[in-house]
C-alpha atoms as a PDB file:
ATOM      1  CA  MET A   1      28.668 -45.288-216.816  1.00  0.00           C
ATOM      2  CA  ASN A   2      25.840 -44.469-214.467  1.00  0.00           C
ATOM      3  CA  PRO A   3      26.655 -41.248-212.505  1.00  0.00           C
ATOM      4  CA  ASN A   4      25.640 -42.873-209.214  1.00  0.00           C
ATOM      5  CA  ARG A   5      27.958 -45.819-209.841  1.00  0.00           C
ATOM      6  CA  ARG A   6      30.781 -43.460-210.807  1.00  0.00           C
ATOM      7  CA  HIS A   7      30.357 -41.476-207.581  1.00  0.00           C
ATOM      8  CA  PHE A   8      30.232 -44.657-205.530  1.00  0.00           C
ATOM      9  CA  LEU A   9      33.385 -46.090-207.110  1.00  0.00           C
ATOM     10  CA  SER A  10      35.374 -42.872-206.806  1.00  0.00           C
ATOM     11  CA  GLY A  11      34.226 -42.419-203.201  1.00  0.00           C
ATOM     12  CA  ALA A  12      35.066 -46.023-202.331  1.00  0.00           C
ATOM     13  CA  ALA A  13      38.524 -45.687-203.882  1.00  0.00           C
ATOM     14  CA  ALA A  14      39.197 -42.488-201.933  1.00  0.00           C
ATOM     15  CA  TRP A  15      37.929 -44.018-198.696  1.00  0.00           C
ATOM     16  CA  MET A  16      40.071 -47.147-199.067  1.00  0.00           C
ATOM     17  CA  SER A  17      43.219 -45.210-199.959  1.00  0.00           C
ATOM     18  CA  ALA A  18      42.880 -42.722-197.090  1.00  0.00           C
ATOM     19  CA  PRO A  19      44.557 -44.878-194.379  1.00  0.00           C
ATOM     20  CA  ALA A  20      47.646 -45.417-196.556  1.00  0.00           C
ATOM     21  CA  CYS A  21      47.928 -41.698-197.259  1.00  0.00           C
ATOM     22  CA  VAL A  22      47.569 -40.770-193.608  1.00  0.00           C
ATOM     23  CA  ALA A  23      50.151 -43.306-192.484  1.00  0.00           C
ATOM     24  CA  GLY A  24      52.584 -42.154-195.164  1.00  0.00           C
ATOM     25  CA  GLN A  25      52.746 -45.585-196.735  1.00  0.00           C
ATOM     26  CA  ARG A  26      52.977 -45.898-200.471  1.00  0.00           C
ATOM     27  CA  SER A  27      51.551 -49.240-201.463  1.00  0.00           C
ATOM     28  CA  ILE A  28      49.422 -50.226-204.402  1.00  0.00           C
ATOM     29  CA  LYS A  29      46.415 -52.442-203.847  1.00  0.00           C
ATOM     30  CA  THR A  30      44.453 -54.078-206.632  1.00  0.00           C
ATOM     31  CA  ILE A  31      40.723 -54.429-206.213  1.00  0.00           C
ATOM     32  CA  SER A  32      38.661 -56.522-208.592  1.00  0.00           C
ATOM     33  CA  LEU A  33      34.918 -56.113-208.902  1.00  0.00           C
ATOM     34  CA  PHE A  34      32.973 -58.924-210.502  1.00  0.00           C
ATOM     35  CA  HIS A  35      29.464 -58.533-211.777  1.00  0.00           C
ATOM     36  CA  THR A  36      27.194 -61.438-212.535  1.00  0.00           C
ATOM     37  CA  THR A  37      23.718 -61.314-213.889  1.00  0.00           C
ATOM     38  CA  ASP A  38      20.753 -63.667-213.931  1.00  0.00           C
ATOM     39  CA  LEU A  39      22.402 -66.527-212.027  1.00  0.00           C
ATOM     40  CA  HIS A  40      19.251 -67.360-210.094  1.00  0.00           C
ATOM     41  CA  GLY A  41      17.738 -69.054-213.143  1.00  0.00           C
ATOM     42  CA  HIS A  42      20.926 -70.643-214.434  1.00  0.00           C
ATOM     43  CA  ILE A  43      22.402 -72.723-211.632  1.00  0.00           C
ATOM     44  CA  LEU A  44      23.096 -75.587-214.034  1.00  0.00           C
ATOM     45  CA  PRO A  45      24.763 -75.215-217.442  1.00  0.00           C
ATOM     46  CA  SER A  46      22.273 -74.609-220.230  1.00  0.00           C
ATOM     47  CA  LYS A  47      22.058 -73.901-223.962  1.00  0.00           C
ATOM     48  CA  THR A  48      22.238 -70.545-225.708  1.00  0.00           C
ATOM     49  CA  TYR A  49      19.508 -69.344-228.040  1.00  0.00           C
ATOM     50  CA  ASP A  50      21.715 -70.571-230.896  1.00  0.00           C
ATOM     51  CA  GLY A  51      21.725 -74.118-229.491  1.00  0.00           C
ATOM     52  CA  ILE A  52      25.293 -74.058-228.147  1.00  0.00           C
ATOM     53  CA  GLY A  53      25.225 -76.304-225.086  1.00  0.00           C
ATOM     54  CA  ASN A  54      27.051 -76.552-221.772  1.00  0.00           C
ATOM     55  CA  VAL A  55      27.420 -72.831-221.092  1.00  0.00           C
ATOM     56  CA  GLY A  56      27.106 -70.970-217.827  1.00  0.00           C
ATOM     57  CA  GLY A  57      26.179 -72.384-214.468  1.00  0.00           C
ATOM     58  CA  LEU A  58      27.420 -71.716-210.946  1.00  0.00           C
ATOM     59  CA  ALA A  59      30.132 -74.391-211.075  1.00  0.00           C
ATOM     60  CA  ARG A  60      31.717 -72.725-214.104  1.00  0.00           C
ATOM     61  CA  CYS A  61      31.417 -69.319-212.437  1.00  0.00           C
ATOM     62  CA  ALA A  62      33.089 -70.609-209.244  1.00  0.00           C
ATOM     63  CA  THR A  63      35.899 -72.212-211.256  1.00  0.00           C
ATOM     64  CA  GLN A  64      36.623 -68.957-213.072  1.00  0.00           C
ATOM     65  CA  ILE A  65      36.655 -66.975-209.825  1.00  0.00           C
ATOM     66  CA  ARG A  66      39.159 -69.453-208.339  1.00  0.00           C
ATOM     67  CA  LYS A  67      41.401 -68.991-211.398  1.00  0.00           C
ATOM     68  CA  TRP A  68      41.253 -65.205-211.059  1.00  0.00           C
ATOM     69  CA  ARG A  69      42.098 -65.393-207.346  1.00  0.00           C
ATOM     70  CA  LYS A  70      45.277 -67.343-208.141  1.00  0.00           C
ATOM     71  CA  GLU A  71      46.473 -64.632-210.548  1.00  0.00           C
END
């Protein structure tokens, strides 16, 4: 993992947990980070280099995010 990313994530986790520690509350929060890449050129579903069709696209991405939010 990139050292800058590691420092950012550990700092963000410490910053977000600080209010709970100060208040004496012990609660667990789950944070999910999603990373997408190259969506600007793939708004609609397309084919892979192997010819497999109907993959990707923003609609499929949005559907998956909705499923994860329900979990």
